[in-house]
Amino acid sequence: MAKGGVKRASPGADEEKNPLANVELSDEDAKNLQKAQRDLGRVELAMDRLGQTKIMPAYERRRAAVKGISKFWPVALMNHSHFAFFAQHSADQLALSYLEDLWIARDAVEPRCYTIEFHFKENKFFTNTVLKKEYRYQAPAATAENDKPDENGITDTMLDFSWERDVEPQAFKIDWKDADKALTKLYPSEAAEDDDDPVDSGSFFNFFEKAADPADLGITIANDVFPEAIEYFLGQAGGDELDSGDEDDDDDDDAEEIDLEKPRSKKQKI
């Protein structure tokens, strides 16, 4: 009897050949495939840029429509499970309850880079009316050949865009009204020794004051919550039921009641 894991060859197996094996690709064919792939990349990038241009007026109209809805942006953000994980402290949620507008300002040169803007009403935490998180474009060195734009304004340098290589997150200074009660001081972010991932994410507002964004929270906000903000506000996006975040009983100093979850229980249609 054969040992476990060893299969006996079927009769004639040596003569059997896989008709899809050993496909040879000539240098010319490889070059043509590479060219076709880059052509597709150019068109896709041009379409993405055009799409951003076309959708901005709609975002502006949505911005005006939600302006009068109380706590629209805090609720939309907290209904996203990834964001909610980084805003578990009740003090964070209280500070976020003053958020009245969220905007994504795209870089004019490289629209895949952006600045996230959190606009706040007057509050007891900080004097800033806007907190920003910039993902700054670091343009790679370009040669005359790869910097020549095509009919859509796309260059090879743009096609070779890399988020890890070409984007540098920036830190932003929050002007806390009481430095001793700054949320980032009360709840600091603690990083692991062997990598950049936080052991304890601490206060959400570390997102602004620290340059690094190892959890890609900015990508979540800009590319997920912001485009689908209405769906997240109404509890129709994401599919995750989030906990209320009331486990932090040590935050009783901020005893104001915050109802950031009210729309979650209903699936409203618009």
Foldseek 3Di string as FASTA:
>chain_A
DDDPPDDDDDPPNVVDDDPPPPDDDDPVNVVVVVVVVVVVLVVVVLVVVVVVVVCVVVLVVVQVVCQPPQLLQLLLQCLAVLSVLQALDVVLSVQSSQFRGWDWAADPVQRVWTKIWTAGDDDQWFDDRIFIKGFDFAQDDDDPQQCDADPSGDGNSNSPDDSVPGTWIDATDTGTPDVVVHQCVVFPWAADPPDGDTPGSGHSCVSRHDRDDVVPVVCCVPVPCSVCSVCSSQQNPDPDDDDPSPPPPVVCVPVDDDDSHVNNVDNDDD
